[in-house]
Amino acid sequence: MDDILLIAARFQGGPSTTALLCPETLCGAPILCVSRRNNVWQFLCGKDHSHEHVYEEHADDPRMTTVQEVVARDPSVADVATMNDRHILRRRSLADSWVPDDDLSLWWI
């Protein structure tokens, strides 16, 4: 088993668990917000992702992938692997620690 798979296996549901990336993170923006709801992980850039938000330069829909693929993009998300369902964590930059957040505009689904 490679390191990425071992890290991804720490997430509730395992490496093949569904994960969503917002268009910005899909295009390379850092993952600054993580939420988990109904065992679907969302890895977001930290911007407003309410349903009213319109992406002019990207597709409107999030990209569905797996936790393993997200960990391969950014191994630092391993720090949130044990996060409880229906929670949101945010950080200001890749160098900062994850902190709880209750801003519901961060829910995508």
PDB file of N, CA and C in Angstrom:
ATOM      1  N   MET A   1       0.842  -1.187   0.000  1.00  0.00           N
ATOM      2  CA  MET A   1       0.000   0.000   0.000  1.00  0.00           C
ATOM      3  C   MET A   1       0.885   1.247   0.000  1.00  0.00           C
ATOM      4  N   ASP A   2       0.609   2.176  -0.882  1.00  0.00           N
ATOM      5  CA  ASP A   2       1.430   3.384  -0.898  1.00  0.00           C
ATOM      6  C   ASP A   2       0.964   4.373   0.172  1.00  0.00           C
ATOM      7  N   ASP A   3       1.778   5.402   0.394  1.00  0.00           N
ATOM      8  CA  ASP A   3       1.490   6.373   1.461  1.00  0.00           C
ATOM      9  C   ASP A   3       0.139   7.058   1.281  1.00  0.00           C
ATOM     10  N   ILE A   4      -0.198   7.434   0.044  1.00  0.00           N
ATOM     11  CA  ILE A   4      -1.468   8.127  -0.218  1.00  0.00           C
ATOM     12  C   ILE A   4      -2.644   7.238   0.179  1.00  0.00           C
ATOM     13  N   LEU A   5      -2.591   5.980  -0.186  1.00  0.00           N
ATOM     14  CA  LEU A   5      -3.672   5.059   0.152  1.00  0.00           C
ATOM     15  C   LEU A   5      -3.773   4.849   1.662  1.00  0.00           C
ATOM     16  N   LEU A   6      -2.637   4.761   2.335  1.00  0.00           N
ATOM     17  CA  LEU A   6      -2.649   4.625   3.801  1.00  0.00           C
ATOM     18  C   LEU A   6      -3.277   5.848   4.464  1.00  0.00           C
ATOM     19  N   ILE A   7      -2.930   7.036   3.983  1.00  0.00           N
ATOM     20  CA  ILE A   7      -3.512   8.271   4.536  1.00  0.00           C
ATOM     21  C   ILE A   7      -5.010   8.312   4.258  1.00  0.00           C
ATOM     22  N   ALA A   8      -5.402   8.030   3.028  1.00  0.00           N
ATOM     23  CA  ALA A   8      -6.821   8.084   2.646  1.00  0.00           C
ATOM     24  C   ALA A   8      -7.645   7.063   3.411  1.00  0.00           C
ATOM     25  N   ALA A   9      -7.033   5.959   3.794  1.00  0.00           N
ATOM     26  CA  ALA A   9      -7.751   4.917   4.543  1.00  0.00           C
ATOM     27  C   ALA A   9      -8.155   5.391   5.933  1.00  0.00           C
ATOM     28  N   ARG A  10      -7.539   6.455   6.435  1.00  0.00           N
ATOM     29  CA  ARG A  10      -7.894   6.998   7.754  1.00  0.00           C
ATOM     30  C   ARG A  10      -9.235   7.723   7.744  1.00  0.00           C
ATOM     31  N   PHE A  11      -9.723   8.135   6.569  1.00  0.00           N
ATOM     32  CA  PHE A  11     -10.992   8.855   6.469  1.00  0.00           C
ATOM     33  C   PHE A  11     -12.154   7.900   6.684  1.00  0.00           C
ATOM     34  N   GLN A  12     -13.197   8.398   7.379  1.00  0.00           N
ATOM     35  CA  GLN A  12     -14.420   7.621   7.570  1.00  0.00           C
ATOM     36  C   GLN A  12     -14.940   7.205   6.201  1.00  0.00           C
ATOM     37  N   GLY A  13     -15.127   5.933   5.990  1.00  0.00           N
ATOM     38  CA  GLY A  13     -15.595   5.429   4.709  1.00  0.00           C
ATOM     39  C   GLY A  13     -14.476   4.912   3.825  1.00  0.00           C
ATOM     40  N   GLY A  14     -13.245   5.265   4.137  1.00  0.00           N
ATOM     41  CA  GLY A  14     -12.104   4.744   3.385  1.00  0.00           C
ATOM     42  C   GLY A  14     -11.738   5.556   2.156  1.00  0.00           C
ATOM     43  N   PRO A  15     -10.726   5.104   1.430  1.00  0.00           N
ATOM     44  CA  PRO A  15     -10.167   5.849   0.304  1.00  0.00           C
ATOM     45  C   PRO A  15     -11.143   6.101  -0.839  1.00  0.00           C
ATOM     46  N   SER A  16     -12.115   5.214  -1.027  1.00  0.00           N
ATOM     47  CA  SER A  16     -13.033   5.378  -2.157  1.00  0.00           C
ATOM     48  C   SER A  16     -14.282   6.178  -1.801  1.00  0.00           C
ATOM     49  N   THR A  17     -14.319   6.766  -0.611  1.00  0.00           N
ATOM     50  CA  THR A  17     -15.453   7.579  -0.186  1.00  0.00           C
ATOM     51  C   THR A  17     -15.600   8.787  -1.115  1.00  0.00           C
ATOM     52  N   THR A  18     -16.837   9.144  -1.407  1.00  0.00           N
ATOM     53  CA  THR A  18     -17.125  10.267  -2.295  1.00  0.00           C
ATOM     54  C   THR A  18     -16.608  11.573  -1.722  1.00  0.00           C
ATOM     55  N   ALA A  19     -15.986  12.359  -2.594  1.00  0.00           N
ATOM     56  CA  ALA A  19     -15.498  13.681  -2.233  1.00  0.00           C
ATOM     57  C   ALA A  19     -15.857  14.643  -3.359  1.00  0.00           C
ATOM     58  N   LEU A  20     -16.168  15.873  -2.980  1.00  0.00           N
ATOM     59  CA  LEU A  20     -16.474  16.909  -3.959  1.00  0.00           C
ATOM     60  C   LEU A  20     -15.406  17.991  -3.895  1.00  0.00           C
ATOM     61  N   LEU A  21     -14.991  18.454  -5.046  1.00  0.00           N
ATOM     62  CA  LEU A  21     -14.067  19.576  -5.155  1.00  0.00           C
ATOM     63  C   LEU A  21     -14.809  20.723  -5.820  1.00  0.00           C
ATOM     64  N   CYS A  22     -14.652  21.923  -5.284  1.00  0.00           N
ATOM     65  CA  CYS A  22     -15.238  23.073  -5.958  1.00  0.00           C
ATOM     66  C   CYS A  22     -14.393  23.386  -7.201  1.00  0.00           C
ATOM     67  N   PRO A  23     -14.928  24.149  -8.135  1.00  0.00           N
ATOM     68  CA  PRO A  23     -14.173  24.454  -9.361  1.00  0.00           C
ATOM     69  C   PRO A  23     -12.811  25.089  -9.096  1.00  0.00           C
ATOM     70  N   GLU A  24     -12.732  25.920  -8.061  1.00  0.00           N
ATOM     71  CA  GLU A  24     -11.462  26.580  -7.764  1.00  0.00           C
ATOM     72  C   GLU A  24     -10.394  25.582  -7.312  1.00  0.00           C
ATOM     73  N   THR A  25     -10.766  24.661  -6.410  1.00  0.00           N
ATOM     74  CA  THR A  25      -9.785  23.670  -5.968  1.00  0.00           C
ATOM     75  C   THR A  25      -9.456  22.710  -7.101  1.00  0.00           C
ATOM     76  N   LEU A  26     -10.416  22.437  -7.926  1.00  0.00           N
ATOM     77  CA  LEU A  26     -10.179  21.585  -9.096  1.00  0.00           C
ATOM     78  C   LEU A  26      -9.130  22.213 -10.016  1.00  0.00           C
ATOM     79  N   CYS A  27      -9.123  23.537 -10.089  1.00  0.00           N
ATOM     80  CA  CYS A  27      -8.163  24.259 -10.931  1.00  0.00           C
ATOM     81  C   CYS A  27      -6.860  24.577 -10.206  1.00  0.00           C
ATOM     82  N   GLY A  28      -6.693  24.069  -8.993  1.00  0.00           N
ATOM     83  CA  GLY A  28      -5.426  24.223  -8.301  1.00  0.00           C
ATOM     84  C   GLY A  28      -5.404  25.133  -7.091  1.00  0.00           C
ATOM     85  N   ALA A  29      -6.536  25.781  -6.769  1.00  0.00           N
ATOM     86  CA  ALA A  29      -6.583  26.617  -5.564  1.00  0.00           C
ATOM     87  C   ALA A  29      -6.387  25.732  -4.332  1.00  0.00           C
ATOM     88  N   PRO A  30      -5.789  26.262  -3.273  1.00  0.00           N
ATOM     89  CA  PRO A  30      -5.581  25.452  -2.068  1.00  0.00           C
ATOM     90  C   PRO A  30      -6.906  25.079  -1.394  1.00  0.00           C
ATOM     91  N   ILE A  31      -6.920  23.938  -0.766  1.00  0.00           N
ATOM     92  CA  ILE A  31      -8.087  23.493   0.009  1.00  0.00           C
ATOM     93  C   ILE A  31      -8.023  24.189   1.359  1.00  0.00           C
ATOM     94  N   LEU A  32      -8.982  25.090   1.592  1.00  0.00           N
ATOM     95  CA  LEU A  32      -9.006  25.875   2.824  1.00  0.00           C
ATOM     96  C   LEU A  32     -10.241  25.608   3.666  1.00  0.00           C
ATOM     97  N   CYS A  33     -11.148  24.794   3.161  1.00  0.00           N
ATOM     98  CA  CYS A  33     -12.378  24.475   3.880  1.00  0.00           C
ATOM     99  C   CYS A  33     -12.748  23.024   3.584  1.00  0.00           C
ATOM    100  N   VAL A  34     -13.085  22.293   4.636  1.00  0.00           N
ATOM    101  CA  VAL A  34     -13.525  20.912   4.486  1.00  0.00           C
ATOM    102  C   VAL A  34     -14.817  20.758   5.264  1.00  0.00           C
ATOM    103  N   SER A  35     -15.792  20.135   4.628  1.00  0.00           N
ATOM    104  CA  SER A  35     -17.024  19.819   5.338  1.00  0.00           C
ATOM    105  C   SER A  35     -17.368  18.362   5.059  1.00  0.00           C
ATOM    106  N   ARG A  36     -18.138  17.812   5.975  1.00  0.00           N
ATOM    107  CA  ARG A  36     -18.575  16.427   5.823  1.00  0.00           C
ATOM    108  C   ARG A  36     -20.032  16.370   6.222  1.00  0.00           C
ATOM    109  N   ARG A  37     -20.834  15.869   5.312  1.00  0.00           N
ATOM    110  CA  ARG A  37     -22.269  15.778   5.558  1.00  0.00           C
ATOM    111  C   ARG A  37     -22.783  14.521   4.890  1.00  0.00           C
ATOM    112  N   ASN A  38     -23.481  13.702   5.660  1.00  0.00           N
ATOM    113  CA  ASN A  38     -24.000  12.426   5.161  1.00  0.00           C
ATOM    114  C   ASN A  38     -22.880  11.592   4.548  1.00  0.00           C
ATOM    115  N   ASN A  39     -21.727  11.655   5.177  1.00  0.00           N
ATOM    116  CA  ASN A  39     -20.513  10.942   4.779  1.00  0.00           C
ATOM    117  C   ASN A  39     -20.021  11.294   3.377  1.00  0.00           C
ATOM    118  N   VAL A  40     -20.380  12.469   2.888  1.00  0.00           N
ATOM    119  CA  VAL A  40     -19.787  13.006   1.662  1.00  0.00           C
ATOM    120  C   VAL A  40     -18.860  14.134   2.097  1.00  0.00           C
ATOM    121  N   TRP A  41     -17.630  14.050   1.672  1.00  0.00           N
ATOM    122  CA  TRP A  41     -16.628  15.057   2.006  1.00  0.00           C
ATOM    123  C   TRP A  41     -16.622  16.130   0.935  1.00  0.00           C
ATOM    124  N   GLN A  42     -16.500  17.396   1.366  1.00  0.00           N
ATOM    125  CA  GLN A  42     -16.378  18.523   0.447  1.00  0.00           C
ATOM    126  C   GLN A  42     -15.057  19.223   0.738  1.00  0.00           C
ATOM    127  N   PHE A  43     -14.257  19.402  -0.283  1.00  0.00           N
ATOM    128  CA  PHE A  43     -12.967  20.056  -0.163  1.00  0.00           C
ATOM    129  C   PHE A  43     -13.038  21.327  -1.001  1.00  0.00           C
ATOM    130  N   LEU A  44     -13.085  22.465  -0.311  1.00  0.00           N
ATOM    131  CA  LEU A  44     -13.416  23.731  -0.954  1.00  0.00           C
ATOM    132  C   LEU A  44     -12.313  24.770  -0.774  1.00  0.00           C
ATOM    133  N   CYS A  45     -12.422  25.829  -1.561  1.00  0.00           N
ATOM    134  CA  CYS A  45     -11.424  26.905  -1.524  1.00  0.00           C
ATOM    135  C   CYS A  45     -11.694  27.903  -0.404  1.00  0.00           C
ATOM    136  N   GLY A  46     -12.864  27.860   0.202  1.00  0.00           N
ATOM    137  CA  GLY A  46     -13.203  28.771   1.284  1.00  0.00           C
ATOM    138  C   GLY A  46     -14.100  29.916   0.878  1.00  0.00           C
ATOM    139  N   LYS A  47     -14.398  30.034  -0.404  1.00  0.00           N
ATOM    140  CA  LYS A  47     -15.311  31.084  -0.868  1.00  0.00           C
ATOM    141  C   LYS A  47     -16.756  30.652  -0.625  1.00  0.00           C
ATOM    142  N   ASP A  48     -17.683  31.577  -0.823  1.00  0.00           N
ATOM    143  CA  ASP A  48     -19.108  31.295  -0.680  1.00  0.00           C
ATOM    144  C   ASP A  48     -19.537  30.293  -1.752  1.00  0.00           C
ATOM    145  N   HIS A  49     -20.062  29.177  -1.311  1.00  0.00           N
ATOM    146  CA  HIS A  49     -20.533  28.152  -2.237  1.00  0.00           C
ATOM    147  C   HIS A  49     -22.020  27.879  -2.052  1.00  0.00           C
ATOM    148  N   SER A  50     -22.746  28.941  -1.706  1.00  0.00           N
ATOM    149  CA  SER A  50     -24.202  28.773  -1.619  1.00  0.00           C
ATOM    150  C   SER A  50     -24.746  28.600  -3.037  1.00  0.00           C
ATOM    151  N   HIS A  51     -25.960  28.132  -3.139  1.00  0.00           N
ATOM    152  CA  HIS A  51     -26.543  27.845  -4.453  1.00  0.00           C
ATOM    153  C   HIS A  51     -26.753  29.089  -5.302  1.00  0.00           C
ATOM    154  N   GLU A  52     -26.738  30.273  -4.700  1.00  0.00           N
ATOM    155  CA  GLU A  52     -26.919  31.495  -5.480  1.00  0.00           C
ATOM    156  C   GLU A  52     -25.625  31.908  -6.179  1.00  0.00           C
ATOM    157  N   HIS A  53     -24.504  31.408  -5.702  1.00  0.00           N
ATOM    158  CA  HIS A  53     -23.213  31.801  -6.259  1.00  0.00           C
ATOM    159  C   HIS A  53     -23.078  31.257  -7.682  1.00  0.00           C
ATOM    160  N   VAL A  54     -22.722  32.099  -8.620  1.00  0.00           N
ATOM    161  CA  VAL A  54     -22.589  31.690 -10.017  1.00  0.00           C
ATOM    162  C   VAL A  54     -21.112  31.709 -10.397  1.00  0.00           C
ATOM    163  N   TYR A  55     -20.653  30.625 -10.973  1.00  0.00           N
ATOM    164  CA  TYR A  55     -19.271  30.546 -11.448  1.00  0.00           C
ATOM    165  C   TYR A  55     -19.262  30.910 -12.927  1.00  0.00           C
ATOM    166  N   GLU A  56     -18.679  32.022 -13.248  1.00  0.00           N
ATOM    167  CA  GLU A  56     -18.672  32.451 -14.639  1.00  0.00           C
ATOM    168  C   GLU A  56     -17.570  31.782 -15.442  1.00  0.00           C
ATOM    169  N   GLU A  57     -16.449  31.472 -14.803  1.00  0.00           N
ATOM    170  CA  GLU A  57     -15.340  30.915 -15.558  1.00  0.00           C
ATOM    171  C   GLU A  57     -15.183  29.407 -15.381  1.00  0.00           C
ATOM    172  N   HIS A  58     -16.054  28.785 -14.594  1.00  0.00           N
ATOM    173  CA  HIS A  58     -15.970  27.347 -14.347  1.00  0.00           C
ATOM    174  C   HIS A  58     -17.352  26.717 -14.506  1.00  0.00           C
ATOM    175  N   ALA A  59     -17.358  25.394 -14.556  1.00  0.00           N
ATOM    176  CA  ALA A  59     -18.637  24.682 -14.554  1.00  0.00           C
ATOM    177  C   ALA A  59     -19.348  24.936 -13.240  1.00  0.00           C
ATOM    178  N   ASP A  60     -20.671  24.920 -13.275  1.00  0.00           N
ATOM    179  CA  ASP A  60     -21.458  25.194 -12.070  1.00  0.00           C
ATOM    180  C   ASP A  60     -21.409  24.069 -11.049  1.00  0.00           C
ATOM    181  N   ASP A  61     -21.206  22.861 -11.500  1.00  0.00           N
ATOM    182  CA  ASP A  61     -21.288  21.719 -10.606  1.00  0.00           C
ATOM    183  C   ASP A  61     -19.929  21.363 -10.021  1.00  0.00           C
ATOM    184  N   PRO A  62     -19.928  20.842  -8.797  1.00  0.00           N
ATOM    185  CA  PRO A  62     -18.678  20.385  -8.206  1.00  0.00           C
ATOM    186  C   PRO A  62     -18.199  19.122  -8.923  1.00  0.00           C
ATOM    187  N   ARG A  63     -16.943  18.852  -8.838  1.00  0.00           N
ATOM    188  CA  ARG A  63     -16.403  17.634  -9.404  1.00  0.00           C
ATOM    189  C   ARG A  63     -16.457  16.541  -8.361  1.00  0.00           C
ATOM    190  N   MET A  64     -17.054  15.433  -8.709  1.00  0.00           N
ATOM    191  CA  MET A  64     -17.140  14.298  -7.806  1.00  0.00           C
ATOM    192  C   MET A  64     -15.895  13.439  -8.008  1.00  0.00           C
ATOM    193  N   THR A  65     -15.255  13.085  -6.916  1.00  0.00           N
ATOM    194  CA  THR A  65     -14.038  12.287  -6.967  1.00  0.00           C
ATOM    195  C   THR A  65     -14.005  11.409  -5.725  1.00  0.00           C
ATOM    196  N   THR A  66     -12.835  10.962  -5.319  1.00  0.00           N
ATOM    197  CA  THR A  66     -12.690  10.145  -4.121  1.00  0.00           C
ATOM    198  C   THR A  66     -11.752  10.838  -3.136  1.00  0.00           C
ATOM    199  N   VAL A  67     -11.855  10.452  -1.885  1.00  0.00           N
ATOM    200  CA  VAL A  67     -10.962  10.975  -0.858  1.00  0.00           C
ATOM    201  C   VAL A  67      -9.504  10.674  -1.238  1.00  0.00           C
ATOM    202  N   GLN A  68      -9.250   9.510  -1.793  1.00  0.00           N
ATOM    203  CA  GLN A  68      -7.884   9.152  -2.176  1.00  0.00           C
ATOM    204  C   GLN A  68      -7.308  10.154  -3.183  1.00  0.00           C
ATOM    205  N   GLU A  69      -8.097  10.565  -4.161  1.00  0.00           N
ATOM    206  CA  GLU A  69      -7.622  11.531  -5.147  1.00  0.00           C
ATOM    207  C   GLU A  69      -7.340  12.886  -4.496  1.00  0.00           C
ATOM    208  N   VAL A  70      -8.182  13.276  -3.547  1.00  0.00           N
ATOM    209  CA  VAL A  70      -7.976  14.551  -2.855  1.00  0.00           C
ATOM    210  C   VAL A  70      -6.689  14.506  -2.030  1.00  0.00           C
ATOM    211  N   VAL A  71      -6.464  13.408  -1.318  1.00  0.00           N
ATOM    212  CA  VAL A  71      -5.246  13.262  -0.527  1.00  0.00           C
ATOM    213  C   VAL A  71      -4.011  13.296  -1.439  1.00  0.00           C
ATOM    214  N   ALA A  72      -4.118  12.725  -2.628  1.00  0.00           N
ATOM    215  CA  ALA A  72      -3.004  12.765  -3.571  1.00  0.00           C
ATOM    216  C   ALA A  72      -2.694  14.204  -3.987  1.00  0.00           C
ATOM    217  N   ARG A  73      -3.729  15.049  -4.104  1.00  0.00           N
ATOM    218  CA  ARG A  73      -3.554  16.465  -4.452  1.00  0.00           C
ATOM    219  C   ARG A  73      -2.958  17.258  -3.297  1.00  0.00           C
ATOM    220  N   ASP A  74      -3.444  16.967  -2.071  1.00  0.00           N
ATOM    221  CA  ASP A  74      -3.041  17.751  -0.900  1.00  0.00           C
ATOM    222  C   ASP A  74      -3.006  16.859   0.341  1.00  0.00           C
ATOM    223  N   PRO A  75      -1.858  16.240   0.623  1.00  0.00           N
ATOM    224  CA  PRO A  75      -1.760  15.341   1.783  1.00  0.00           C
ATOM    225  C   PRO A  75      -2.060  16.014   3.119  1.00  0.00           C
ATOM    226  N   SER A  76      -2.014  17.345   3.185  1.00  0.00           N
ATOM    227  CA  SER A  76      -2.296  18.021   4.464  1.00  0.00           C
ATOM    228  C   SER A  76      -3.745  17.855   4.908  1.00  0.00           C
ATOM    229  N   VAL A  77      -4.643  17.454   4.008  1.00  0.00           N
ATOM    230  CA  VAL A  77      -6.036  17.233   4.420  1.00  0.00           C
ATOM    231  C   VAL A  77      -6.164  16.012   5.323  1.00  0.00           C
ATOM    232  N   ALA A  78      -5.098  15.237   5.454  1.00  0.00           N
ATOM    233  CA  ALA A  78      -5.119  14.085   6.365  1.00  0.00           C
ATOM    234  C   ALA A  78      -5.433  14.513   7.788  1.00  0.00           C
ATOM    235  N   ASP A  79      -5.124  15.764   8.107  1.00  0.00           N
ATOM    236  CA  ASP A  79      -5.391  16.277   9.461  1.00  0.00           C
ATOM    237  C   ASP A  79      -6.874  16.294   9.805  1.00  0.00           C
ATOM    238  N   VAL A  80      -7.764  16.221   8.814  1.00  0.00           N
ATOM    239  CA  VAL A  80      -9.205  16.284   9.075  1.00  0.00           C
ATOM    240  C   VAL A  80      -9.873  14.912   8.952  1.00  0.00           C
ATOM    241  N   ALA A  81      -9.095  13.869   8.791  1.00  0.00           N
ATOM    242  CA  ALA A  81      -9.629  12.530   8.510  1.00  0.00           C
ATOM    243  C   ALA A  81     -10.631  12.028   9.537  1.00  0.00           C
ATOM    244  N   THR A  82     -10.497  12.450  10.783  1.00  0.00           N
ATOM    245  CA  THR A  82     -11.397  11.950  11.836  1.00  0.00           C
ATOM    246  C   THR A  82     -12.524  12.928  12.159  1.00  0.00           C
ATOM    247  N   MET A  83     -12.717  13.915  11.309  1.00  0.00           N
ATOM    248  CA  MET A  83     -13.771  14.908  11.530  1.00  0.00           C
ATOM    249  C   MET A  83     -15.151  14.242  11.546  1.00  0.00           C
ATOM    250  N   ASN A  84     -16.000  14.668  12.456  1.00  0.00           N
ATOM    251  CA  ASN A  84     -17.354  14.127  12.567  1.00  0.00           C
ATOM    252  C   ASN A  84     -18.242  14.600  11.422  1.00  0.00           C
ATOM    253  N   ASP A  85     -19.282  13.825  11.161  1.00  0.00           N
ATOM    254  CA  ASP A  85     -20.275  14.184  10.154  1.00  0.00           C
ATOM    255  C   ASP A  85     -20.977  15.478  10.566  1.00  0.00           C
ATOM    256  N   ARG A  86     -21.382  16.266   9.581  1.00  0.00           N
ATOM    257  CA  ARG A  86     -22.091  17.532   9.759  1.00  0.00           C
ATOM    258  C   ARG A  86     -21.220  18.584  10.451  1.00  0.00           C
ATOM    259  N   HIS A  87     -19.953  18.574  10.124  1.00  0.00           N
ATOM    260  CA  HIS A  87     -19.019  19.564  10.648  1.00  0.00           C
ATOM    261  C   HIS A  87     -18.296  20.265   9.504  1.00  0.00           C
ATOM    262  N   ILE A  88     -17.768  21.438   9.817  1.00  0.00           N
ATOM    263  CA  ILE A  88     -16.997  22.239   8.864  1.00  0.00           C
ATOM    264  C   ILE A  88     -15.708  22.673   9.560  1.00  0.00           C
ATOM    265  N   LEU A  89     -14.608  22.531   8.866  1.00  0.00           N
ATOM    266  CA  LEU A  89     -13.324  23.039   9.347  1.00  0.00           C
ATOM    267  C   LEU A  89     -12.756  23.967   8.280  1.00  0.00           C
ATOM    268  N   ARG A  90     -12.052  24.997   8.743  1.00  0.00           N
ATOM    269  CA  ARG A  90     -11.513  25.986   7.820  1.00  0.00           C
ATOM    270  C   ARG A  90     -10.113  26.368   8.292  1.00  0.00           C
ATOM    271  N   ARG A  91      -9.293  26.807   7.336  1.00  0.00           N
ATOM    272  CA  ARG A  91      -7.985  27.371   7.654  1.00  0.00           C
ATOM    273  C   ARG A  91      -7.752  28.564   6.726  1.00  0.00           C
ATOM    274  N   ARG A  92      -6.945  29.505   7.187  1.00  0.00           N
ATOM    275  CA  ARG A  92      -6.702  30.719   6.393  1.00  0.00           C
ATOM    276  C   ARG A  92      -5.713  30.487   5.260  1.00  0.00           C
ATOM    277  N   SER A  93      -4.784  29.573   5.490  1.00  0.00           N
ATOM    278  CA  SER A  93      -3.779  29.251   4.473  1.00  0.00           C
ATOM    279  C   SER A  93      -3.318  27.821   4.701  1.00  0.00           C
ATOM    280  N   LEU A  94      -2.528  27.306   3.792  1.00  0.00           N
ATOM    281  CA  LEU A  94      -2.014  25.945   3.947  1.00  0.00           C
ATOM    282  C   LEU A  94      -1.130  25.802   5.186  1.00  0.00           C
ATOM    283  N   ALA A  95      -0.547  26.903   5.634  1.00  0.00           N
ATOM    284  CA  ALA A  95       0.332  26.873   6.802  1.00  0.00           C
ATOM    285  C   ALA A  95      -0.429  26.923   8.127  1.00  0.00           C
ATOM    286  N   ASP A  96      -1.711  27.284   8.094  1.00  0.00           N
ATOM    287  CA  ASP A  96      -2.504  27.439   9.315  1.00  0.00           C
ATOM    288  C   ASP A  96      -3.153  26.125   9.735  1.00  0.00           C
ATOM    289  N   SER A  97      -3.556  26.086  11.001  1.00  0.00           N
ATOM    290  CA  SER A  97      -4.273  24.930  11.550  1.00  0.00           C
ATOM    291  C   SER A  97      -5.748  25.000  11.175  1.00  0.00           C
ATOM    292  N   TRP A  98      -6.390  23.842  11.150  1.00  0.00           N
ATOM    293  CA  TRP A  98      -7.824  23.764  10.901  1.00  0.00           C
ATOM    294  C   TRP A  98      -8.577  24.205  12.150  1.00  0.00           C
ATOM    295  N   VAL A  99      -9.637  25.008  11.972  1.00  0.00           N
ATOM    296  CA  VAL A  99     -10.479  25.441  13.085  1.00  0.00           C
ATOM    297  C   VAL A  99     -11.944  25.206  12.704  1.00  0.00           C
ATOM    298  N   PRO A 100     -12.797  24.919  13.689  1.00  0.00           N
ATOM    299  CA  PRO A 100     -14.223  24.720  13.406  1.00  0.00           C
ATOM    300  C   PRO A 100     -14.865  25.990  12.864  1.00  0.00           C
ATOM    301  N   ASP A 101     -15.865  25.813  12.024  1.00  0.00           N
ATOM    302  CA  ASP A 101     -16.603  26.925  11.445  1.00  0.00           C
ATOM    303  C   ASP A 101     -18.067  26.527  11.378  1.00  0.00           C
ATOM    304  N   ASP A 102     -18.967  27.481  11.575  1.00  0.00           N
ATOM    305  CA  ASP A 102     -20.397  27.167  11.486  1.00  0.00           C
ATOM    306  C   ASP A 102     -21.094  27.969  10.390  1.00  0.00           C
ATOM    307  N   ASP A 103     -20.338  28.468   9.423  1.00  0.00           N
ATOM    308  CA  ASP A 103     -20.888  29.241   8.310  1.00  0.00           C
ATOM    309  C   ASP A 103     -21.568  28.283   7.321  1.00  0.00           C
ATOM    310  N   LEU A 104     -22.887  28.232   7.360  1.00  0.00           N
ATOM    311  CA  LEU A 104     -23.627  27.273   6.538  1.00  0.00           C
ATOM    312  C   LEU A 104     -23.557  27.575   5.050  1.00  0.00           C
ATOM    313  N   SER A 105     -23.085  28.761   4.657  1.00  0.00           N
ATOM    314  CA  SER A 105     -22.927  29.028   3.219  1.00  0.00           C
ATOM    315  C   SER A 105     -21.810  28.173   2.639  1.00  0.00           C
ATOM    316  N   LEU A 106     -21.034  27.537   3.516  1.00  0.00           N
ATOM    317  CA  LEU A 106     -19.955  26.673   3.053  1.00  0.00           C
ATOM    318  C   LEU A 106     -20.456  25.295   2.635  1.00  0.00           C
ATOM    319  N   TRP A 107     -21.684  24.948   3.024  1.00  0.00           N
ATOM    320  CA  TRP A 107     -22.248  23.667   2.580  1.00  0.00           C
ATOM    321  C   TRP A 107     -22.533  23.762   1.093  1.00  0.00           C
ATOM    322  N   TRP A 108     -22.127  22.808   0.365  1.00  0.00           N
ATOM    323  CA  TRP A 108     -22.447  22.785  -1.056  1.00  0.00           C
ATOM    324  C   TRP A 108     -23.634  21.873  -1.306  1.00  0.00           C
ATOM    325  N   ILE A 109     -23.668  20.772  -0.585  1.00  0.00           N
ATOM    326  CA  ILE A 109     -24.761  19.814  -0.783  1.00  0.00           C
ATOM    327  C   ILE A 109     -25.702  19.856   0.391  1.00  0.00           C
TER     328      ILE A 109
END
